[in-house]
Amino acid sequence: MNGRDGADDFREAAQPGAGEVTASVVVNAPAERVFAALLAWERQSDWIPFTTVKVVEGDGREGSLIEAVTTIGPAVLRDEMRVTRVDQPYEIGVVHCGRLLRGPGVLRCTQMERDRTQVVWHEWFHLPGGPAGRVAWPLLWPGSKVSLTQALKKFGRLVEQGRLP
């Protein structure tokens, strides 16, 4: 958790922050297959632009540490997250516990019909920068929502095409 004081720091990171964003998509595939694709952490690089994801500790399930590094030109954003819950095939809970990105997140699969599953991705980030971060969030939120939604749409296409997991 990036050299901070362990348990207290993690509990603080696990509390919902003021920066809330949600995206959803319906995937024409059964929940079990969709869920397996979500748990294929390192394959997120296939559907989240400019991002490389790896499991740095554990097996990708509860207790594992996942690292996602997004690089756009010279800018690099490192996102460390601890998997806190795996309720297969319904829900994956994480806590972003890095220096910049902090807060809980959840990926939920809801079976709708035989071969249709709704995926909801919900994040509650702590906003950096104190009051300035809270003022900037309404300007940043639409871009976060659009990029999250586009990534989920690509994820859905890859699952439907049989290219994930």
N, C-alpha and C. Protein backbone atom coordinates (compact mmCIF):
# COMPACT_ATOMS: atom_id res chain seq x y z
N MET A 1 0.82 -1.19 0.00
CA MET A 1 0.00 0.00 0.00
C MET A 1 0.86 1.24 0.00
N ASN A 2 1.98 1.13 -0.63
CA ASN A 2 2.79 2.28 -0.96
C ASN A 2 3.44 2.95 0.25
N GLY A 3 3.90 2.16 1.20
CA GLY A 3 4.67 2.67 2.30
C GLY A 3 3.90 3.44 3.36
N ARG A 4 2.60 3.43 3.31
CA ARG A 4 1.81 4.12 4.34
C ARG A 4 1.60 3.18 5.52
N ASP A 5 1.07 3.68 6.59
CA ASP A 5 0.79 2.83 7.74
C ASP A 5 -0.38 1.92 7.43
N GLY A 6 -0.13 0.65 7.34
CA GLY A 6 -1.01 -0.45 7.01
C GLY A 6 -2.49 -0.35 7.23
N ALA A 7 -2.98 -0.95 8.33
CA ALA A 7 -4.41 -1.17 8.55
C ALA A 7 -5.21 0.13 8.62
N ASP A 8 -4.72 1.14 9.34
CA ASP A 8 -5.46 2.40 9.45
C ASP A 8 -5.57 3.09 8.10
N ASP A 9 -4.49 3.08 7.35
CA ASP A 9 -4.50 3.69 6.03
C ASP A 9 -5.45 2.97 5.10
N PHE A 10 -5.47 1.65 5.17
CA PHE A 10 -6.36 0.87 4.31
C PHE A 10 -7.82 1.14 4.67
N ARG A 11 -8.13 1.20 5.98
CA ARG A 11 -9.51 1.51 6.41
C ARG A 11 -9.94 2.88 5.89
N GLU A 12 -9.03 3.84 5.92
CA GLU A 12 -9.34 5.18 5.41
C GLU A 12 -9.60 5.11 3.90
N ALA A 13 -8.76 4.40 3.17
CA ALA A 13 -8.93 4.29 1.72
C ALA A 13 -10.24 3.57 1.37
N ALA A 14 -10.68 2.66 2.21
CA ALA A 14 -11.89 1.87 1.94
C ALA A 14 -13.18 2.65 2.14
N GLN A 15 -13.10 3.83 2.74
CA GLN A 15 -14.29 4.66 2.93
C GLN A 15 -14.64 5.35 1.61
N PRO A 16 -15.91 5.41 1.24
CA PRO A 16 -16.29 6.06 -0.02
C PRO A 16 -15.86 7.53 -0.04
N GLY A 17 -15.32 7.94 -1.17
CA GLY A 17 -14.94 9.33 -1.37
C GLY A 17 -16.03 10.09 -2.08
N ALA A 18 -15.82 11.37 -2.27
CA ALA A 18 -16.83 12.25 -2.88
C ALA A 18 -16.87 12.15 -4.40
N GLY A 19 -15.83 11.59 -5.02
CA GLY A 19 -15.77 11.45 -6.47
C GLY A 19 -16.42 10.15 -6.90
N GLU A 20 -17.70 10.19 -7.20
CA GLU A 20 -18.45 8.97 -7.51
C GLU A 20 -18.70 8.90 -9.02
N VAL A 21 -18.45 7.72 -9.59
CA VAL A 21 -18.72 7.51 -11.02
C VAL A 21 -19.22 6.09 -11.22
N THR A 22 -20.21 5.95 -12.11
CA THR A 22 -20.83 4.67 -12.41
C THR A 22 -20.99 4.52 -13.91
N ALA A 23 -20.76 3.32 -14.39
CA ALA A 23 -21.02 3.00 -15.80
C ALA A 23 -21.64 1.61 -15.85
N SER A 24 -22.42 1.35 -16.89
CA SER A 24 -23.02 0.02 -17.04
C SER A 24 -23.13 -0.34 -18.50
N VAL A 25 -23.22 -1.63 -18.73
CA VAL A 25 -23.37 -2.17 -20.08
C VAL A 25 -24.12 -3.49 -19.97
N VAL A 26 -24.86 -3.84 -21.00
CA VAL A 26 -25.49 -5.15 -21.08
C VAL A 26 -24.68 -5.98 -22.07
N VAL A 27 -24.27 -7.16 -21.63
CA VAL A 27 -23.44 -8.04 -22.44
C VAL A 27 -24.28 -9.26 -22.81
N ASN A 28 -24.26 -9.61 -24.08
CA ASN A 28 -24.99 -10.78 -24.56
C ASN A 28 -24.18 -12.05 -24.29
N ALA A 29 -24.13 -12.41 -23.01
CA ALA A 29 -23.40 -13.60 -22.57
C ALA A 29 -23.88 -13.93 -21.16
N PRO A 30 -23.77 -15.19 -20.74
CA PRO A 30 -24.18 -15.56 -19.38
C PRO A 30 -23.27 -14.93 -18.32
N ALA A 31 -23.83 -14.71 -17.14
CA ALA A 31 -23.11 -14.04 -16.05
C ALA A 31 -21.80 -14.76 -15.71
N GLU A 32 -21.78 -16.07 -15.73
CA GLU A 32 -20.56 -16.81 -15.37
C GLU A 32 -19.41 -16.45 -16.31
N ARG A 33 -19.70 -16.34 -17.61
CA ARG A 33 -18.66 -16.00 -18.58
C ARG A 33 -18.22 -14.54 -18.44
N VAL A 34 -19.19 -13.66 -18.22
CA VAL A 34 -18.88 -12.24 -18.03
C VAL A 34 -18.02 -12.05 -16.79
N PHE A 35 -18.40 -12.72 -15.70
CA PHE A 35 -17.66 -12.61 -14.45
C PHE A 35 -16.23 -13.11 -14.62
N ALA A 36 -16.06 -14.24 -15.30
CA ALA A 36 -14.72 -14.79 -15.54
C ALA A 36 -13.87 -13.78 -16.31
N ALA A 37 -14.47 -13.09 -17.25
CA ALA A 37 -13.74 -12.08 -18.02
C ALA A 37 -13.34 -10.90 -17.14
N LEU A 38 -14.19 -10.51 -16.20
CA LEU A 38 -13.84 -9.42 -15.29
C LEU A 38 -12.69 -9.82 -14.37
N LEU A 39 -12.66 -11.08 -13.96
CA LEU A 39 -11.59 -11.56 -13.07
C LEU A 39 -10.27 -11.77 -13.80
N ALA A 40 -10.28 -11.72 -15.10
CA ALA A 40 -9.05 -11.86 -15.89
C ALA A 40 -8.35 -10.49 -15.89
N TRP A 41 -7.81 -10.12 -14.74
CA TRP A 41 -7.28 -8.78 -14.52
C TRP A 41 -6.33 -8.33 -15.62
N GLU A 42 -5.39 -9.18 -15.98
CA GLU A 42 -4.36 -8.77 -16.94
C GLU A 42 -4.93 -8.57 -18.34
N ARG A 43 -6.11 -9.09 -18.61
CA ARG A 43 -6.77 -8.86 -19.90
C ARG A 43 -7.47 -7.50 -19.95
N GLN A 44 -7.56 -6.79 -18.80
CA GLN A 44 -8.14 -5.45 -18.82
C GLN A 44 -7.36 -4.54 -19.76
N SER A 45 -6.10 -4.87 -19.98
CA SER A 45 -5.29 -4.10 -20.93
C SER A 45 -5.89 -4.13 -22.32
N ASP A 46 -6.71 -5.15 -22.62
CA ASP A 46 -7.36 -5.27 -23.93
C ASP A 46 -8.54 -4.31 -24.08
N TRP A 47 -9.10 -3.85 -22.99
CA TRP A 47 -10.31 -3.03 -23.10
C TRP A 47 -10.26 -1.69 -22.38
N ILE A 48 -9.21 -1.43 -21.61
CA ILE A 48 -9.04 -0.12 -20.98
C ILE A 48 -7.87 0.57 -21.69
N PRO A 49 -8.15 1.65 -22.43
CA PRO A 49 -7.12 2.29 -23.24
C PRO A 49 -5.91 2.76 -22.43
N PHE A 50 -4.75 2.62 -23.05
CA PHE A 50 -3.48 3.13 -22.52
C PHE A 50 -3.08 2.50 -21.19
N THR A 51 -3.67 1.36 -20.84
CA THR A 51 -3.49 0.80 -19.50
C THR A 51 -2.95 -0.62 -19.56
N THR A 52 -1.97 -0.88 -18.70
CA THR A 52 -1.42 -2.22 -18.52
C THR A 52 -1.75 -2.66 -17.09
N VAL A 53 -2.34 -3.84 -16.97
CA VAL A 53 -2.78 -4.34 -15.67
C VAL A 53 -2.05 -5.64 -15.36
N LYS A 54 -1.64 -5.78 -14.10
CA LYS A 54 -1.00 -7.03 -13.68
C LYS A 54 -1.35 -7.33 -12.23
N VAL A 55 -1.34 -8.60 -11.92
CA VAL A 55 -1.51 -9.07 -10.55
C VAL A 55 -0.11 -9.09 -9.94
N VAL A 56 0.11 -8.27 -8.91
CA VAL A 56 1.45 -8.21 -8.31
C VAL A 56 1.56 -9.05 -7.05
N GLU A 57 0.42 -9.44 -6.49
CA GLU A 57 0.42 -10.26 -5.27
C GLU A 57 -0.87 -11.08 -5.26
N GLY A 58 -0.74 -12.39 -5.07
CA GLY A 58 -1.92 -13.25 -4.98
C GLY A 58 -2.30 -13.85 -6.32
N ASP A 59 -3.54 -14.36 -6.37
CA ASP A 59 -4.02 -15.08 -7.55
C ASP A 59 -5.13 -14.33 -8.30
N GLY A 60 -5.34 -13.05 -7.95
CA GLY A 60 -6.38 -12.25 -8.58
C GLY A 60 -7.69 -12.27 -7.83
N ARG A 61 -7.77 -13.08 -6.79
CA ARG A 61 -8.99 -13.17 -5.99
C ARG A 61 -8.81 -12.38 -4.69
N GLU A 62 -9.68 -12.62 -3.71
CA GLU A 62 -9.63 -11.86 -2.45
C GLU A 62 -8.22 -11.81 -1.87
N GLY A 63 -7.84 -10.60 -1.46
CA GLY A 63 -6.53 -10.38 -0.86
C GLY A 63 -5.45 -10.02 -1.87
N SER A 64 -5.70 -10.23 -3.15
CA SER A 64 -4.69 -9.94 -4.17
C SER A 64 -4.49 -8.44 -4.34
N LEU A 65 -3.28 -8.08 -4.77
CA LEU A 65 -2.96 -6.69 -5.10
C LEU A 65 -2.82 -6.60 -6.61
N ILE A 66 -3.58 -5.69 -7.20
CA ILE A 66 -3.61 -5.49 -8.64
C ILE A 66 -3.01 -4.11 -8.91
N GLU A 67 -2.21 -4.02 -9.98
CA GLU A 67 -1.65 -2.73 -10.37
C GLU A 67 -2.06 -2.43 -11.81
N ALA A 68 -2.64 -1.25 -12.00
CA ALA A 68 -2.99 -0.77 -13.34
C ALA A 68 -2.19 0.50 -13.60
N VAL A 69 -1.43 0.50 -14.68
CA VAL A 69 -0.61 1.66 -15.02
C VAL A 69 -1.13 2.22 -16.34
N THR A 70 -1.59 3.48 -16.29
CA THR A 70 -2.08 4.17 -17.47
C THR A 70 -1.03 5.17 -17.90
N THR A 71 -0.63 5.08 -19.18
CA THR A 71 0.41 5.96 -19.71
C THR A 71 -0.12 6.67 -20.95
N ILE A 72 -0.14 7.99 -20.89
CA ILE A 72 -0.52 8.81 -22.04
C ILE A 72 0.62 9.81 -22.23
N GLY A 73 1.41 9.58 -23.25
CA GLY A 73 2.59 10.42 -23.47
C GLY A 73 3.49 10.32 -22.26
N PRO A 74 3.91 11.46 -21.72
CA PRO A 74 4.80 11.43 -20.56
C PRO A 74 4.06 11.23 -19.23
N ALA A 75 2.74 11.32 -19.25
CA ALA A 75 1.96 11.19 -18.01
C ALA A 75 1.75 9.72 -17.67
N VAL A 76 2.02 9.37 -16.41
CA VAL A 76 1.86 7.99 -15.93
C VAL A 76 1.03 8.03 -14.66
N LEU A 77 -0.05 7.24 -14.64
CA LEU A 77 -0.91 7.13 -13.47
C LEU A 77 -0.90 5.68 -13.01
N ARG A 78 -0.43 5.45 -11.79
CA ARG A 78 -0.35 4.11 -11.21
C ARG A 78 -1.51 3.94 -10.24
N ASP A 79 -2.30 2.89 -10.46
CA ASP A 79 -3.46 2.60 -9.62
C ASP A 79 -3.24 1.25 -8.97
N GLU A 80 -3.10 1.24 -7.65
CA GLU A 80 -2.96 0.00 -6.89
C GLU A 80 -4.29 -0.29 -6.23
N MET A 81 -4.75 -1.52 -6.37
CA MET A 81 -6.02 -1.87 -5.73
C MET A 81 -5.93 -3.26 -5.11
N ARG A 82 -6.55 -3.37 -3.96
CA ARG A 82 -6.62 -4.63 -3.23
C ARG A 82 -8.00 -5.23 -3.49
N VAL A 83 -8.05 -6.50 -3.86
CA VAL A 83 -9.33 -7.18 -4.06
C VAL A 83 -9.86 -7.55 -2.68
N THR A 84 -11.02 -7.04 -2.35
CA THR A 84 -11.58 -7.24 -1.00
C THR A 84 -12.70 -8.25 -0.97
N ARG A 85 -13.31 -8.53 -2.13
CA ARG A 85 -14.44 -9.46 -2.16
C ARG A 85 -14.58 -10.06 -3.54
N VAL A 86 -14.78 -11.36 -3.59
CA VAL A 86 -15.13 -12.05 -4.84
C VAL A 86 -16.32 -12.93 -4.51
N ASP A 87 -17.49 -12.53 -4.99
CA ASP A 87 -18.73 -13.28 -4.81
C ASP A 87 -19.17 -13.74 -6.20
N GLN A 88 -18.60 -14.84 -6.63
CA GLN A 88 -18.79 -15.35 -7.98
C GLN A 88 -20.19 -15.90 -8.18
N PRO A 89 -20.89 -15.62 -9.24
CA PRO A 89 -20.56 -14.78 -10.40
C PRO A 89 -21.20 -13.40 -10.34
N TYR A 90 -21.29 -12.83 -9.15
CA TYR A 90 -22.06 -11.61 -8.98
C TYR A 90 -21.26 -10.33 -8.77
N GLU A 91 -20.21 -10.37 -7.92
CA GLU A 91 -19.61 -9.11 -7.50
C GLU A 91 -18.12 -9.26 -7.18
N ILE A 92 -17.37 -8.23 -7.58
CA ILE A 92 -15.96 -8.10 -7.22
C ILE A 92 -15.81 -6.75 -6.54
N GLY A 93 -15.28 -6.75 -5.32
CA GLY A 93 -15.03 -5.50 -4.60
C GLY A 93 -13.54 -5.23 -4.54
N VAL A 94 -13.17 -3.96 -4.69
CA VAL A 94 -11.76 -3.56 -4.60
C VAL A 94 -11.66 -2.29 -3.75
N VAL A 95 -10.46 -2.05 -3.26
CA VAL A 95 -10.15 -0.76 -2.64
C VAL A 95 -8.90 -0.24 -3.34
N HIS A 96 -9.04 0.94 -3.96
CA HIS A 96 -7.89 1.61 -4.55
C HIS A 96 -7.08 2.18 -3.40
N CYS A 97 -5.82 1.77 -3.30
CA CYS A 97 -5.04 2.11 -2.11
C CYS A 97 -3.68 2.71 -2.46
N GLY A 98 -3.58 3.32 -3.62
CA GLY A 98 -2.33 3.95 -4.02
C GLY A 98 -2.21 5.36 -3.44
N ARG A 99 -1.21 6.07 -3.91
CA ARG A 99 -0.97 7.43 -3.41
C ARG A 99 -2.00 8.41 -3.94
N LEU A 100 -2.39 8.29 -5.21
CA LEU A 100 -3.31 9.26 -5.80
C LEU A 100 -4.74 8.72 -5.87
N LEU A 101 -4.91 7.53 -6.43
CA LEU A 101 -6.25 6.94 -6.54
C LEU A 101 -6.56 6.13 -5.30
N ARG A 102 -7.61 6.55 -4.59
CA ARG A 102 -7.98 5.90 -3.34
C ARG A 102 -9.49 5.84 -3.25
N GLY A 103 -10.00 4.75 -2.69
CA GLY A 103 -11.43 4.60 -2.49
C GLY A 103 -11.93 3.26 -2.97
N PRO A 104 -13.13 2.88 -2.54
CA PRO A 104 -13.68 1.57 -2.92
C PRO A 104 -14.29 1.59 -4.32
N GLY A 105 -14.36 0.40 -4.87
CA GLY A 105 -15.02 0.21 -6.16
C GLY A 105 -15.66 -1.16 -6.20
N VAL A 106 -16.62 -1.33 -7.10
CA VAL A 106 -17.30 -2.61 -7.22
C VAL A 106 -17.66 -2.86 -8.68
N LEU A 107 -17.54 -4.10 -9.09
CA LEU A 107 -18.00 -4.57 -10.39
C LEU A 107 -19.09 -5.59 -10.11
N ARG A 108 -20.29 -5.35 -10.65
CA ARG A 108 -21.42 -6.25 -10.40
C ARG A 108 -21.94 -6.83 -11.70
N CYS A 109 -22.27 -8.11 -11.66
CA CYS A 109 -22.91 -8.81 -12.78
C CYS A 109 -24.30 -9.23 -12.34
N THR A 110 -25.28 -8.89 -13.16
CA THR A 110 -26.66 -9.30 -12.88
C THR A 110 -27.20 -10.01 -14.11
N GLN A 111 -27.51 -11.29 -13.94
CA GLN A 111 -28.10 -12.06 -15.04
C GLN A 111 -29.48 -11.50 -15.33
N MET A 112 -29.75 -11.15 -16.60
CA MET A 112 -31.03 -10.56 -16.97
C MET A 112 -31.94 -11.60 -17.62
N GLU A 113 -31.41 -12.30 -18.56
CA GLU A 113 -32.12 -13.37 -19.27
C GLU A 113 -31.12 -14.49 -19.41
N ARG A 114 -31.47 -15.52 -20.19
CA ARG A 114 -30.57 -16.67 -20.33
C ARG A 114 -29.13 -16.25 -20.64
N ASP A 115 -28.97 -15.43 -21.66
CA ASP A 115 -27.63 -15.10 -22.11
C ASP A 115 -27.40 -13.59 -22.18
N ARG A 116 -27.93 -12.86 -21.22
CA ARG A 116 -27.71 -11.41 -21.14
C ARG A 116 -27.38 -11.06 -19.70
N THR A 117 -26.34 -10.26 -19.54
CA THR A 117 -25.87 -9.88 -18.21
C THR A 117 -25.61 -8.39 -18.17
N GLN A 118 -26.13 -7.74 -17.14
CA GLN A 118 -25.80 -6.33 -16.94
C GLN A 118 -24.55 -6.25 -16.07
N VAL A 119 -23.60 -5.42 -16.50
CA VAL A 119 -22.39 -5.16 -15.73
C VAL A 119 -22.46 -3.71 -15.26
N VAL A 120 -22.27 -3.50 -13.96
CA VAL A 120 -22.22 -2.15 -13.39
C VAL A 120 -20.86 -1.98 -12.73
N TRP A 121 -20.18 -0.91 -13.09
CA TRP A 121 -18.87 -0.56 -12.52
C TRP A 121 -19.08 0.73 -11.74
N HIS A 122 -18.84 0.69 -10.44
CA HIS A 122 -19.10 1.84 -9.57
C HIS A 122 -17.85 2.13 -8.75
N GLU A 123 -17.42 3.38 -8.73
CA GLU A 123 -16.23 3.81 -7.97
C GLU A 123 -16.60 5.00 -7.10
N TRP A 124 -15.99 5.08 -5.92
CA TRP A 124 -16.15 6.21 -5.00
C TRP A 124 -14.76 6.72 -4.64
N PHE A 125 -14.16 7.56 -5.47
CA PHE A 125 -12.79 8.02 -5.26
C PHE A 125 -12.70 9.16 -4.26
N HIS A 126 -11.61 9.16 -3.48
CA HIS A 126 -11.27 10.30 -2.66
C HIS A 126 -10.68 11.33 -3.62
N LEU A 127 -11.12 12.55 -3.54
CA LEU A 127 -10.64 13.57 -4.45
C LEU A 127 -9.38 14.22 -3.88
N PRO A 128 -8.27 14.17 -4.66
CA PRO A 128 -7.05 14.82 -4.18
C PRO A 128 -7.19 16.34 -4.29
N GLY A 129 -6.38 17.05 -3.57
CA GLY A 129 -6.33 18.49 -3.70
C GLY A 129 -7.29 19.25 -2.80
N GLY A 130 -7.91 18.58 -1.83
CA GLY A 130 -8.80 19.27 -0.89
C GLY A 130 -9.93 20.00 -1.59
N PRO A 131 -10.19 21.25 -1.18
CA PRO A 131 -11.30 22.01 -1.78
C PRO A 131 -11.17 22.17 -3.29
N ALA A 132 -9.94 22.34 -3.78
CA ALA A 132 -9.75 22.49 -5.23
C ALA A 132 -10.18 21.23 -5.96
N GLY A 133 -9.91 20.07 -5.39
CA GLY A 133 -10.34 18.81 -5.99
C GLY A 133 -11.85 18.69 -6.05
N ARG A 134 -12.52 19.13 -4.99
CA ARG A 134 -13.99 19.09 -4.97
C ARG A 134 -14.58 20.05 -6.01
N VAL A 135 -13.93 21.19 -6.20
CA VAL A 135 -14.40 22.14 -7.21
C VAL A 135 -14.16 21.59 -8.61
N ALA A 136 -13.03 20.92 -8.83
CA ALA A 136 -12.67 20.41 -10.15
C ALA A 136 -13.48 19.17 -10.54
N TRP A 137 -13.96 18.39 -9.56
CA TRP A 137 -14.64 17.13 -9.86
C TRP A 137 -15.80 17.27 -10.84
N PRO A 138 -16.70 18.25 -10.69
CA PRO A 138 -17.80 18.36 -11.66
C PRO A 138 -17.32 18.58 -13.09
N LEU A 139 -16.13 19.13 -13.24
CA LEU A 139 -15.57 19.32 -14.58
C LEU A 139 -14.93 18.03 -15.10
N LEU A 140 -14.38 17.24 -14.21
CA LEU A 140 -13.70 16.00 -14.59
C LEU A 140 -14.66 14.82 -14.71
N TRP A 141 -15.77 14.85 -13.96
CA TRP A 141 -16.69 13.73 -13.91
C TRP A 141 -17.20 13.28 -15.28
N PRO A 142 -17.65 14.20 -16.16
CA PRO A 142 -18.17 13.72 -17.45
C PRO A 142 -17.14 12.90 -18.24
N GLY A 143 -15.89 13.32 -18.22
CA GLY A 143 -14.85 12.56 -18.92
C GLY A 143 -14.62 11.20 -18.29
N SER A 144 -14.67 11.15 -16.96
CA SER A 144 -14.52 9.87 -16.26
C SER A 144 -15.65 8.93 -16.63
N LYS A 145 -16.87 9.45 -16.64
CA LYS A 145 -18.06 8.65 -16.96
C LYS A 145 -17.98 8.13 -18.39
N VAL A 146 -17.62 8.99 -19.34
CA VAL A 146 -17.53 8.59 -20.75
C VAL A 146 -16.45 7.53 -20.93
N SER A 147 -15.27 7.74 -20.35
CA SER A 147 -14.18 6.77 -20.55
C SER A 147 -14.51 5.43 -19.91
N LEU A 148 -15.14 5.43 -18.74
CA LEU A 148 -15.54 4.19 -18.08
C LEU A 148 -16.59 3.45 -18.91
N THR A 149 -17.55 4.20 -19.44
CA THR A 149 -18.61 3.61 -20.26
C THR A 149 -18.03 3.03 -21.55
N GLN A 150 -17.13 3.75 -22.20
CA GLN A 150 -16.52 3.25 -23.44
C GLN A 150 -15.70 1.99 -23.18
N ALA A 151 -14.97 1.97 -22.07
CA ALA A 151 -14.19 0.77 -21.73
C ALA A 151 -15.12 -0.42 -21.52
N LEU A 152 -16.24 -0.23 -20.81
CA LEU A 152 -17.18 -1.33 -20.58
C LEU A 152 -17.82 -1.80 -21.88
N LYS A 153 -18.12 -0.89 -22.78
CA LYS A 153 -18.68 -1.28 -24.08
C LYS A 153 -17.69 -2.15 -24.85
N LYS A 154 -16.42 -1.77 -24.83
CA LYS A 154 -15.40 -2.58 -25.50
C LYS A 154 -15.29 -3.94 -24.82
N PHE A 155 -15.32 -3.95 -23.49
CA PHE A 155 -15.30 -5.20 -22.74
C PHE A 155 -16.45 -6.10 -23.21
N GLY A 156 -17.66 -5.55 -23.27
CA GLY A 156 -18.82 -6.33 -23.70
C GLY A 156 -18.65 -6.91 -25.09
N ARG A 157 -18.13 -6.11 -26.02
CA ARG A 157 -17.91 -6.61 -27.39
C ARG A 157 -16.92 -7.77 -27.39
N LEU A 158 -15.83 -7.63 -26.62
CA LEU A 158 -14.82 -8.69 -26.58
C LEU A 158 -15.38 -9.99 -25.98
N VAL A 159 -16.21 -9.86 -24.95
CA VAL A 159 -16.84 -11.05 -24.36
C VAL A 159 -17.78 -11.69 -25.38
N GLU A 160 -18.63 -10.87 -26.02
CA GLU A 160 -19.58 -11.39 -27.00
C GLU A 160 -18.89 -12.06 -28.19
N GLN A 161 -17.72 -11.57 -28.57
CA GLN A 161 -16.95 -12.15 -29.67
C GLN A 161 -16.15 -13.38 -29.26
N GLY A 162 -16.18 -13.71 -27.96
CA GLY A 162 -15.42 -14.86 -27.46
C GLY A 162 -13.95 -14.58 -27.30
N ARG A 163 -13.54 -13.31 -27.31
CA ARG A 163 -12.13 -12.94 -27.18
C ARG A 163 -11.71 -12.71 -25.73
N LEU A 164 -12.68 -12.70 -24.82
CA LEU A 164 -12.43 -12.65 -23.38
C LEU A 164 -13.25 -13.75 -22.75
N PRO A 165 -12.84 -14.39 -21.70
CA PRO A 165 -11.56 -14.25 -21.01
C PRO A 165 -10.42 -14.90 -21.74
